[in-house]
Amino acid sequence: MKRLCIAIVLFGSSHSLALAEDQIVKLQNPVHPSLGIPFSAGNPTEIDGVCKALGYQNYIFDSARRSKEVVDVVQVNFDGITISNPKHNPIVEIWCSGSLTPPSDPGFTVIPQPIHKEVGLPFAAWQNQDFQGVCKYLGFSSYLDDSARRNKSLEDTVLVDEQGNLNNARASSYRLVTLTCY
């Protein structure tokens, strides 16, 4: 007879937990390990990925509860790999099971107010823009889809190409306020 263990994990606390395969864990307000923002409660097929992104093997069917509030969230695929950073309803409770393993997602860095060092201006942020060049200029490989946030007024900015090379030193554009690179 297998024994069932249930543990409640409140994210943001400094407690660590070792799980056996038959344990079930209730996670409240789970956040992405490297981004520190909540997970999306969008597509039901992706909710499995939330547990996997946190190092668990399985999602307990129909256990996820979401907030009615719309905020910046992380969207993961079925395998727990981060795919975008849209605005959506965050998960406030989810039950997972299986052994706790280290997450396999690459590390992400949230960059607030990125500035082009040589020119001293912020980067341009147009809707549907490819921000890979900004991340490459800053020493990263690429960016997380839907992670760019911009201001609401036009100002002097810098445009770069996909490789991070300067395209235009002064362009009137929306300013990039934050971007997540990896």
N, C-alpha and C. Protein backbone atom coordinates (compact mmCIF):
# COMPACT_ATOMS: atom_id res chain seq x y z
N MET A 1 0.84 -1.18 0.00
CA MET A 1 0.00 0.00 0.00
C MET A 1 0.88 1.24 0.00
N LYS A 2 0.65 2.14 -0.97
CA LYS A 2 1.41 3.38 -1.02
C LYS A 2 0.84 4.38 -0.04
N ARG A 3 1.73 5.13 0.54
CA ARG A 3 1.33 6.16 1.46
C ARG A 3 1.22 7.46 0.69
N LEU A 4 0.21 8.26 0.94
CA LEU A 4 0.01 9.53 0.28
C LEU A 4 0.43 10.64 1.23
N CYS A 5 1.34 11.47 0.78
CA CYS A 5 1.80 12.60 1.57
C CYS A 5 1.34 13.87 0.89
N ILE A 6 0.82 14.80 1.63
CA ILE A 6 0.41 16.08 1.08
C ILE A 6 1.17 17.16 1.82
N ALA A 7 1.72 18.09 1.04
CA ALA A 7 2.45 19.22 1.61
C ALA A 7 1.93 20.49 0.99
N ILE A 8 1.90 21.55 1.74
CA ILE A 8 1.50 22.85 1.20
C ILE A 8 2.75 23.70 1.11
N VAL A 9 2.98 24.28 -0.09
CA VAL A 9 4.15 25.10 -0.31
C VAL A 9 3.70 26.51 -0.62
N LEU A 10 4.11 27.46 0.17
CA LEU A 10 3.82 28.86 -0.09
C LEU A 10 5.06 29.46 -0.73
N PHE A 11 4.94 29.92 -1.97
CA PHE A 11 6.10 30.47 -2.65
C PHE A 11 6.49 31.78 -2.03
N GLY A 12 7.75 32.05 -2.05
CA GLY A 12 8.28 33.24 -1.41
C GLY A 12 8.89 32.90 -0.06
N SER A 13 8.64 31.71 0.46
CA SER A 13 9.25 31.30 1.72
C SER A 13 10.58 30.63 1.41
N SER A 14 11.40 30.48 2.41
CA SER A 14 12.74 29.93 2.19
C SER A 14 12.80 28.44 2.50
N HIS A 15 11.66 27.75 2.56
CA HIS A 15 11.65 26.32 2.88
C HIS A 15 11.94 25.50 1.64
N SER A 16 12.75 24.47 1.78
CA SER A 16 12.95 23.54 0.67
C SER A 16 12.19 22.26 0.99
N LEU A 17 11.93 21.46 -0.05
CA LEU A 17 11.10 20.30 0.14
C LEU A 17 11.61 19.18 -0.74
N ALA A 18 11.79 18.00 -0.17
CA ALA A 18 12.17 16.82 -0.96
C ALA A 18 10.94 15.93 -1.05
N LEU A 19 10.61 15.51 -2.26
CA LEU A 19 9.40 14.73 -2.46
C LEU A 19 9.70 13.33 -2.93
N ALA A 20 8.90 12.41 -2.50
CA ALA A 20 8.92 11.06 -3.06
C ALA A 20 7.90 11.04 -4.20
N GLU A 21 7.97 10.01 -5.04
CA GLU A 21 7.11 9.96 -6.22
C GLU A 21 5.62 9.96 -5.93
N ASP A 22 5.21 9.49 -4.79
CA ASP A 22 3.77 9.40 -4.51
C ASP A 22 3.24 10.60 -3.74
N GLN A 23 3.97 11.67 -3.65
CA GLN A 23 3.53 12.84 -2.91
C GLN A 23 2.78 13.82 -3.79
N ILE A 24 1.81 14.49 -3.20
CA ILE A 24 1.03 15.52 -3.87
C ILE A 24 1.26 16.82 -3.11
N VAL A 25 1.48 17.89 -3.86
CA VAL A 25 1.79 19.17 -3.25
C VAL A 25 0.82 20.24 -3.74
N LYS A 26 0.31 21.03 -2.82
CA LYS A 26 -0.54 22.17 -3.17
C LYS A 26 0.37 23.39 -3.23
N LEU A 27 0.41 24.04 -4.39
CA LEU A 27 1.25 25.22 -4.57
C LEU A 27 0.35 26.45 -4.64
N GLN A 28 0.62 27.41 -3.81
CA GLN A 28 -0.18 28.63 -3.80
C GLN A 28 0.65 29.78 -4.37
N ASN A 29 0.04 30.50 -5.32
CA ASN A 29 0.68 31.64 -5.98
C ASN A 29 2.07 31.28 -6.52
N PRO A 30 2.16 30.21 -7.33
CA PRO A 30 3.48 29.81 -7.84
C PRO A 30 4.05 30.84 -8.79
N VAL A 31 5.36 31.05 -8.70
CA VAL A 31 6.05 31.99 -9.58
C VAL A 31 7.17 31.27 -10.31
N HIS A 32 7.53 31.79 -11.48
CA HIS A 32 8.61 31.22 -12.29
C HIS A 32 9.92 31.30 -11.51
N PRO A 33 10.70 30.22 -11.48
CA PRO A 33 11.93 30.19 -10.67
C PRO A 33 12.94 31.29 -10.98
N SER A 34 13.11 31.65 -12.25
CA SER A 34 14.12 32.67 -12.55
C SER A 34 13.52 34.04 -12.85
N LEU A 35 12.24 34.13 -13.20
CA LEU A 35 11.62 35.42 -13.49
C LEU A 35 10.91 36.02 -12.29
N GLY A 36 10.44 35.16 -11.38
CA GLY A 36 9.77 35.65 -10.19
C GLY A 36 8.38 36.22 -10.45
N ILE A 37 7.77 35.90 -11.58
CA ILE A 37 6.41 36.36 -11.86
C ILE A 37 5.48 35.15 -11.97
N PRO A 38 4.17 35.36 -11.79
CA PRO A 38 3.23 34.24 -11.77
C PRO A 38 3.10 33.54 -13.13
N PHE A 39 2.54 32.34 -13.07
CA PHE A 39 2.28 31.56 -14.28
C PHE A 39 0.90 31.89 -14.83
N SER A 40 0.74 31.74 -16.14
CA SER A 40 -0.54 31.95 -16.81
C SER A 40 -1.48 30.79 -16.52
N ALA A 41 -2.76 31.12 -16.41
CA ALA A 41 -3.79 30.09 -16.26
C ALA A 41 -4.58 29.99 -17.55
N GLY A 42 -3.91 30.17 -18.66
CA GLY A 42 -4.58 30.19 -19.96
C GLY A 42 -4.93 28.82 -20.48
N ASN A 43 -4.22 28.36 -21.47
CA ASN A 43 -4.48 27.12 -22.18
C ASN A 43 -4.36 25.91 -21.24
N PRO A 44 -5.42 25.09 -21.12
CA PRO A 44 -5.38 23.94 -20.21
C PRO A 44 -4.24 22.95 -20.49
N THR A 45 -3.82 22.81 -21.74
CA THR A 45 -2.74 21.88 -22.04
C THR A 45 -1.40 22.38 -21.50
N GLU A 46 -1.31 23.67 -21.23
CA GLU A 46 -0.06 24.23 -20.72
C GLU A 46 0.04 24.19 -19.21
N ILE A 47 -1.07 23.92 -18.53
CA ILE A 47 -1.04 23.89 -17.07
C ILE A 47 -0.18 22.74 -16.58
N ASP A 48 -0.14 21.62 -17.30
CA ASP A 48 0.79 20.53 -16.99
C ASP A 48 2.21 21.06 -16.92
N GLY A 49 2.54 21.97 -17.82
CA GLY A 49 3.87 22.53 -17.90
C GLY A 49 4.26 23.37 -16.69
N VAL A 50 3.27 23.94 -16.00
CA VAL A 50 3.56 24.73 -14.80
C VAL A 50 4.21 23.83 -13.76
N CYS A 51 3.63 22.66 -13.53
CA CYS A 51 4.20 21.73 -12.56
C CYS A 51 5.61 21.31 -13.00
N LYS A 52 5.77 21.03 -14.28
CA LYS A 52 7.08 20.62 -14.78
C LYS A 52 8.11 21.74 -14.67
N ALA A 53 7.69 22.98 -14.92
CA ALA A 53 8.60 24.12 -14.79
C ALA A 53 9.09 24.30 -13.36
N LEU A 54 8.28 23.83 -12.41
CA LEU A 54 8.64 23.94 -10.99
C LEU A 54 9.32 22.68 -10.47
N GLY A 55 9.56 21.71 -11.37
CA GLY A 55 10.31 20.52 -10.99
C GLY A 55 9.48 19.32 -10.59
N TYR A 56 8.17 19.37 -10.77
CA TYR A 56 7.30 18.25 -10.45
C TYR A 56 6.98 17.47 -11.72
N GLN A 57 6.56 16.24 -11.58
CA GLN A 57 6.30 15.40 -12.74
C GLN A 57 4.91 15.59 -13.33
N ASN A 58 3.90 15.79 -12.49
CA ASN A 58 2.53 15.77 -12.97
C ASN A 58 1.68 16.88 -12.38
N TYR A 59 0.69 17.28 -13.15
CA TYR A 59 -0.34 18.20 -12.72
C TYR A 59 -1.56 17.37 -12.33
N ILE A 60 -2.18 17.66 -11.20
CA ILE A 60 -3.39 16.97 -10.79
C ILE A 60 -4.56 17.62 -11.53
N PHE A 61 -5.19 16.84 -12.41
CA PHE A 61 -6.21 17.34 -13.30
C PHE A 61 -7.26 18.19 -12.58
N ASP A 62 -7.56 19.33 -13.19
CA ASP A 62 -8.62 20.24 -12.73
C ASP A 62 -8.35 20.83 -11.35
N SER A 63 -7.10 20.92 -10.95
CA SER A 63 -6.78 21.47 -9.63
C SER A 63 -6.37 22.94 -9.67
N ALA A 64 -6.11 23.47 -10.86
CA ALA A 64 -5.64 24.85 -10.96
C ALA A 64 -6.78 25.84 -10.75
N ARG A 65 -6.50 26.86 -9.97
CA ARG A 65 -7.43 27.96 -9.75
C ARG A 65 -6.72 29.24 -10.17
N ARG A 66 -7.48 30.15 -10.75
CA ARG A 66 -6.84 31.38 -11.23
C ARG A 66 -7.50 32.61 -10.65
N SER A 67 -6.74 33.69 -10.70
CA SER A 67 -7.23 34.98 -10.25
C SER A 67 -8.05 35.62 -11.37
N LYS A 68 -8.92 36.52 -11.02
CA LYS A 68 -9.66 37.27 -12.03
C LYS A 68 -8.87 38.48 -12.50
N GLU A 69 -7.83 38.81 -11.79
CA GLU A 69 -6.97 39.95 -12.11
C GLU A 69 -6.10 39.61 -13.33
N VAL A 70 -5.86 40.58 -14.20
CA VAL A 70 -4.99 40.39 -15.36
C VAL A 70 -3.67 41.10 -15.08
N VAL A 71 -2.57 40.33 -15.10
CA VAL A 71 -1.23 40.85 -14.79
C VAL A 71 -0.21 40.24 -15.74
N ASP A 72 1.05 40.69 -15.66
CA ASP A 72 2.13 40.05 -16.39
C ASP A 72 2.30 38.64 -15.85
N VAL A 73 2.32 37.67 -16.75
CA VAL A 73 2.48 36.27 -16.36
C VAL A 73 3.48 35.58 -17.27
N VAL A 74 3.88 34.39 -16.89
CA VAL A 74 4.73 33.55 -17.72
C VAL A 74 3.86 32.45 -18.31
N GLN A 75 3.98 32.22 -19.60
CA GLN A 75 3.28 31.13 -20.25
C GLN A 75 4.30 30.05 -20.58
N VAL A 76 4.02 28.82 -20.19
CA VAL A 76 4.92 27.70 -20.47
C VAL A 76 4.21 26.69 -21.36
N ASN A 77 4.99 25.88 -22.06
CA ASN A 77 4.38 24.82 -22.87
C ASN A 77 4.17 23.57 -22.01
N PHE A 78 3.69 22.49 -22.60
CA PHE A 78 3.40 21.24 -21.89
C PHE A 78 4.62 20.69 -21.15
N ASP A 79 5.83 20.93 -21.71
CA ASP A 79 7.06 20.42 -21.10
C ASP A 79 7.64 21.34 -20.03
N GLY A 80 6.99 22.48 -19.78
CA GLY A 80 7.47 23.41 -18.76
C GLY A 80 8.48 24.42 -19.27
N ILE A 81 8.66 24.49 -20.58
CA ILE A 81 9.59 25.46 -21.16
C ILE A 81 8.86 26.78 -21.37
N THR A 82 9.46 27.87 -20.92
CA THR A 82 8.85 29.18 -21.03
C THR A 82 8.75 29.58 -22.50
N ILE A 83 7.56 30.04 -22.90
CA ILE A 83 7.38 30.42 -24.30
C ILE A 83 6.99 31.88 -24.49
N SER A 84 6.41 32.52 -23.49
CA SER A 84 6.08 33.94 -23.64
C SER A 84 5.76 34.57 -22.29
N ASN A 85 5.57 35.90 -22.34
CA ASN A 85 5.34 36.70 -21.14
C ASN A 85 4.17 37.66 -21.39
N PRO A 86 2.95 37.12 -21.61
CA PRO A 86 1.81 38.00 -21.89
C PRO A 86 1.16 38.55 -20.61
N LYS A 87 0.11 39.28 -20.78
CA LYS A 87 -0.74 39.68 -19.65
C LYS A 87 -1.93 38.71 -19.65
N HIS A 88 -2.22 38.14 -18.48
CA HIS A 88 -3.29 37.14 -18.40
C HIS A 88 -3.65 36.94 -16.93
N ASN A 89 -4.58 36.01 -16.68
CA ASN A 89 -4.96 35.66 -15.31
C ASN A 89 -3.91 34.72 -14.72
N PRO A 90 -3.34 35.05 -13.56
CA PRO A 90 -2.33 34.17 -12.95
C PRO A 90 -2.96 33.00 -12.18
N ILE A 91 -2.20 31.92 -12.09
CA ILE A 91 -2.60 30.78 -11.26
C ILE A 91 -2.38 31.16 -9.80
N VAL A 92 -3.40 30.94 -8.98
CA VAL A 92 -3.27 31.22 -7.54
C VAL A 92 -3.17 29.93 -6.73
N GLU A 93 -3.54 28.79 -7.36
CA GLU A 93 -3.43 27.51 -6.67
C GLU A 93 -3.36 26.40 -7.71
N ILE A 94 -2.46 25.47 -7.48
CA ILE A 94 -2.32 24.30 -8.36
C ILE A 94 -1.78 23.14 -7.54
N TRP A 95 -2.22 21.92 -7.86
CA TRP A 95 -1.74 20.72 -7.18
C TRP A 95 -0.85 19.95 -8.15
N CYS A 96 0.33 19.57 -7.69
CA CYS A 96 1.29 18.82 -8.51
C CYS A 96 1.71 17.56 -7.76
N SER A 97 2.25 16.61 -8.52
CA SER A 97 2.74 15.39 -7.88
C SER A 97 4.03 14.94 -8.56
N GLY A 98 4.67 13.98 -7.93
CA GLY A 98 5.91 13.44 -8.48
C GLY A 98 7.12 14.03 -7.81
N SER A 99 8.26 13.45 -8.12
CA SER A 99 9.48 13.88 -7.45
C SER A 99 9.88 15.28 -7.86
N LEU A 100 10.46 15.99 -6.92
CA LEU A 100 10.94 17.34 -7.16
C LEU A 100 12.31 17.26 -7.82
N THR A 101 12.43 17.81 -9.00
CA THR A 101 13.70 17.83 -9.74
C THR A 101 14.02 19.27 -10.11
N PRO A 102 15.27 19.57 -10.42
CA PRO A 102 15.59 20.94 -10.83
C PRO A 102 14.88 21.29 -12.14
N PRO A 103 14.32 22.50 -12.24
CA PRO A 103 13.69 22.93 -13.49
C PRO A 103 14.71 22.96 -14.63
N SER A 104 14.25 22.68 -15.87
CA SER A 104 15.17 22.62 -17.01
C SER A 104 15.12 23.86 -17.89
N ASP A 105 14.33 24.84 -17.54
CA ASP A 105 14.21 26.06 -18.33
C ASP A 105 15.50 26.88 -18.22
N PRO A 106 15.90 27.57 -19.30
CA PRO A 106 17.10 28.41 -19.21
C PRO A 106 16.85 29.58 -18.27
N GLY A 107 17.92 30.13 -17.73
CA GLY A 107 17.80 31.28 -16.86
C GLY A 107 17.39 32.52 -17.65
N PHE A 108 16.58 33.34 -17.07
CA PHE A 108 16.12 34.56 -17.71
C PHE A 108 16.57 35.75 -16.88
N THR A 109 16.76 36.88 -17.54
CA THR A 109 17.10 38.11 -16.85
C THR A 109 16.12 39.19 -17.29
N VAL A 110 15.44 39.79 -16.33
CA VAL A 110 14.55 40.90 -16.62
C VAL A 110 15.40 42.17 -16.58
N ILE A 111 15.38 42.91 -17.69
CA ILE A 111 16.21 44.11 -17.80
C ILE A 111 15.31 45.34 -17.77
N PRO A 112 15.35 46.09 -16.66
CA PRO A 112 14.55 47.31 -16.59
C PRO A 112 15.30 48.49 -17.23
N GLN A 113 14.58 49.30 -17.95
CA GLN A 113 15.12 50.53 -18.54
C GLN A 113 16.42 50.32 -19.30
N PRO A 114 16.47 49.39 -20.28
CA PRO A 114 17.74 49.17 -21.01
C PRO A 114 18.15 50.40 -21.81
N ILE A 115 19.44 50.73 -21.74
CA ILE A 115 20.02 51.92 -22.40
C ILE A 115 21.18 51.48 -23.29
N HIS A 116 21.30 52.08 -24.46
CA HIS A 116 22.45 51.85 -25.35
C HIS A 116 23.61 52.64 -24.76
N LYS A 117 24.65 51.95 -24.30
CA LYS A 117 25.74 52.60 -23.56
C LYS A 117 26.51 53.64 -24.38
N GLU A 118 26.78 53.36 -25.64
CA GLU A 118 27.57 54.30 -26.45
C GLU A 118 26.80 55.57 -26.78
N VAL A 119 25.51 55.45 -27.03
CA VAL A 119 24.69 56.59 -27.43
C VAL A 119 24.03 57.26 -26.22
N GLY A 120 23.78 56.48 -25.16
CA GLY A 120 23.17 57.03 -23.96
C GLY A 120 21.67 57.24 -24.06
N LEU A 121 21.03 56.54 -24.99
CA LEU A 121 19.58 56.65 -25.16
C LEU A 121 18.92 55.30 -24.93
N PRO A 122 17.63 55.32 -24.58
CA PRO A 122 16.91 54.05 -24.44
C PRO A 122 16.64 53.42 -25.80
N PHE A 123 16.30 52.13 -25.79
CA PHE A 123 15.99 51.41 -27.02
C PHE A 123 14.55 51.68 -27.44
N ALA A 124 14.32 51.68 -28.77
CA ALA A 124 12.98 51.85 -29.32
C ALA A 124 12.16 50.60 -29.04
N ALA A 125 10.84 50.79 -28.93
CA ALA A 125 9.94 49.65 -28.69
C ALA A 125 8.67 49.84 -29.50
N TRP A 126 8.65 49.25 -30.68
CA TRP A 126 7.46 49.28 -31.52
C TRP A 126 6.68 48.00 -31.32
N GLN A 127 5.38 48.04 -31.54
CA GLN A 127 4.55 46.85 -31.42
C GLN A 127 4.99 45.81 -32.46
N ASN A 128 5.00 44.54 -32.09
CA ASN A 128 5.40 43.41 -32.95
C ASN A 128 6.85 43.50 -33.41
N GLN A 129 7.68 44.18 -32.68
CA GLN A 129 9.10 44.31 -33.00
C GLN A 129 9.86 43.07 -32.53
N ASP A 130 10.92 42.72 -33.26
CA ASP A 130 11.81 41.64 -32.84
C ASP A 130 12.88 42.27 -31.95
N PHE A 131 12.97 41.86 -30.70
CA PHE A 131 13.90 42.47 -29.75
C PHE A 131 15.19 41.67 -29.58
N GLN A 132 15.43 40.71 -30.46
CA GLN A 132 16.63 39.89 -30.34
C GLN A 132 17.90 40.76 -30.38
N GLY A 133 17.93 41.78 -31.24
CA GLY A 133 19.09 42.66 -31.35
C GLY A 133 19.39 43.41 -30.05
N VAL A 134 18.34 43.81 -29.35
CA VAL A 134 18.53 44.49 -28.07
C VAL A 134 19.21 43.54 -27.09
N CYS A 135 18.69 42.32 -27.00
CA CYS A 135 19.29 41.33 -26.08
C CYS A 135 20.71 40.99 -26.50
N LYS A 136 20.96 40.85 -27.80
CA LYS A 136 22.33 40.55 -28.27
C LYS A 136 23.28 41.69 -27.91
N TYR A 137 22.85 42.93 -28.10
CA TYR A 137 23.68 44.07 -27.72
C TYR A 137 24.01 44.03 -26.23
N LEU A 138 23.06 43.59 -25.42
CA LEU A 138 23.25 43.54 -23.97
C LEU A 138 23.97 42.27 -23.49
N GLY A 139 24.38 41.40 -24.45
CA GLY A 139 25.19 40.23 -24.09
C GLY A 139 24.41 38.93 -23.93
N PHE A 140 23.18 38.89 -24.40
CA PHE A 140 22.35 37.69 -24.31
C PHE A 140 22.14 37.11 -25.70
N SER A 141 21.50 35.94 -25.78
CA SER A 141 21.24 35.30 -27.07
C SER A 141 19.94 35.75 -27.70
N SER A 142 18.89 35.86 -26.90
CA SER A 142 17.57 36.18 -27.45
C SER A 142 16.68 36.76 -26.35
N TYR A 143 15.39 36.88 -26.68
CA TYR A 143 14.44 37.45 -25.72
C TYR A 143 13.22 36.54 -25.59
N LEU A 144 12.50 36.71 -24.50
CA LEU A 144 11.28 35.96 -24.24
C LEU A 144 10.13 36.66 -24.95
N ASP A 145 9.41 35.94 -25.81
CA ASP A 145 8.28 36.51 -26.53
C ASP A 145 7.32 37.20 -25.57
N ASP A 146 6.76 38.31 -26.02
CA ASP A 146 5.76 39.09 -25.27
C ASP A 146 6.29 39.66 -23.96
N SER A 147 7.60 39.73 -23.78
CA SER A 147 8.13 40.25 -22.51
C SER A 147 8.44 41.75 -22.57
N ALA A 148 8.45 42.33 -23.75
CA ALA A 148 8.76 43.76 -23.88
C ALA A 148 7.60 44.61 -23.38
N ARG A 149 7.94 45.61 -22.60
CA ARG A 149 6.95 46.59 -22.15
C ARG A 149 7.50 47.96 -22.54
N ARG A 150 6.60 48.85 -22.96
CA ARG A 150 7.02 50.17 -23.43
C ARG A 150 6.26 51.27 -22.72
N ASN A 151 6.79 52.51 -22.84
CA ASN A 151 6.09 53.64 -22.26
C ASN A 151 4.98 54.08 -23.21
N LYS A 152 4.26 55.13 -22.84
CA LYS A 152 3.10 55.53 -23.64
C LYS A 152 3.29 56.84 -24.38
N SER A 153 4.51 57.36 -24.44
CA SER A 153 4.74 58.60 -25.18
C SER A 153 6.01 58.48 -26.03
N LEU A 154 6.06 59.24 -27.10
CA LEU A 154 7.22 59.21 -28.00
C LEU A 154 8.38 60.01 -27.41
N GLU A 155 9.60 59.51 -27.63
CA GLU A 155 10.80 60.21 -27.19
C GLU A 155 11.98 59.75 -28.02
N ASP A 156 13.14 60.38 -27.85
CA ASP A 156 14.34 59.97 -28.58
C ASP A 156 14.78 58.59 -28.11
N THR A 157 15.01 57.68 -29.06
CA THR A 157 15.41 56.32 -28.76
C THR A 157 16.46 55.86 -29.76
N VAL A 158 16.96 54.66 -29.55
CA VAL A 158 17.96 54.03 -30.42
C VAL A 158 17.33 52.81 -31.08
N LEU A 159 17.59 52.62 -32.37
CA LEU A 159 17.16 51.42 -33.08
C LEU A 159 18.37 50.56 -33.36
N VAL A 160 18.25 49.23 -33.13
CA VAL A 160 19.33 48.30 -33.45
C VAL A 160 18.78 47.20 -34.36
N ASP A 161 19.66 46.56 -35.13
CA ASP A 161 19.24 45.45 -35.99
C ASP A 161 19.22 44.15 -35.18
N GLU A 162 18.95 43.02 -35.86
CA GLU A 162 18.83 41.72 -35.18
C GLU A 162 20.11 41.27 -34.50
N GLN A 163 21.26 41.81 -34.94
CA GLN A 163 22.54 41.45 -34.34
C GLN A 163 22.98 42.40 -33.24
N GLY A 164 22.19 43.46 -33.02
CA GLY A 164 22.51 44.43 -31.98
C GLY A 164 23.32 45.61 -32.47
N ASN A 165 23.52 45.71 -33.80
CA ASN A 165 24.26 46.83 -34.38
C ASN A 165 23.37 48.05 -34.49
N LEU A 166 23.94 49.22 -34.28
CA LEU A 166 23.21 50.48 -34.32
C LEU A 166 22.61 50.71 -35.71
N ASN A 167 21.32 50.94 -35.76
CA ASN A 167 20.61 51.24 -37.01
C ASN A 167 20.34 52.72 -37.13
N ASN A 168 19.92 53.34 -36.04
CA ASN A 168 19.56 54.74 -36.03
C ASN A 168 19.79 55.27 -34.61
N ALA A 169 20.67 56.26 -34.51
CA ALA A 169 21.03 56.78 -33.19
C ALA A 169 19.92 57.59 -32.55
N ARG A 170 19.07 58.20 -33.35
CA ARG A 170 17.97 58.98 -32.78
C ARG A 170 16.71 58.75 -33.60
N ALA A 171 15.76 58.14 -32.98
CA ALA A 171 14.47 57.90 -33.63
C ALA A 171 13.38 58.22 -32.62
N SER A 172 12.37 58.96 -33.06
CA SER A 172 11.26 59.25 -32.18
C SER A 172 10.39 58.00 -32.11
N SER A 173 10.33 57.42 -30.92
CA SER A 173 9.65 56.14 -30.76
C SER A 173 9.20 55.98 -29.31
N TYR A 174 8.44 54.91 -29.08
CA TYR A 174 8.16 54.53 -27.71
C TYR A 174 9.43 53.93 -27.13
N ARG A 175 9.67 54.18 -25.84
CA ARG A 175 10.87 53.69 -25.17
C ARG A 175 10.61 52.31 -24.57
N LEU A 176 11.59 51.42 -24.71
CA LEU A 176 11.54 50.10 -24.09
C LEU A 176 11.72 50.27 -22.59
N VAL A 177 10.73 49.86 -21.82
CA VAL A 177 10.75 50.03 -20.37
C VAL A 177 11.34 48.80 -19.68
N THR A 178 10.99 47.61 -20.18
CA THR A 178 11.55 46.38 -19.62
C THR A 178 11.53 45.30 -20.70
N LEU A 179 12.51 44.38 -20.63
CA LEU A 179 12.63 43.29 -21.58
C LEU A 179 13.26 42.11 -20.85
N THR A 180 12.81 40.90 -21.16
CA THR A 180 13.37 39.70 -20.56
C THR A 180 14.24 38.99 -21.59
N CYS A 181 15.52 38.82 -21.27
CA CYS A 181 16.49 38.20 -22.17
C CYS A 181 17.01 36.90 -21.56
N TYR A 182 17.57 36.06 -22.44
CA TYR A 182 18.22 34.83 -21.99
C TYR A 182 19.38 34.51 -22.90
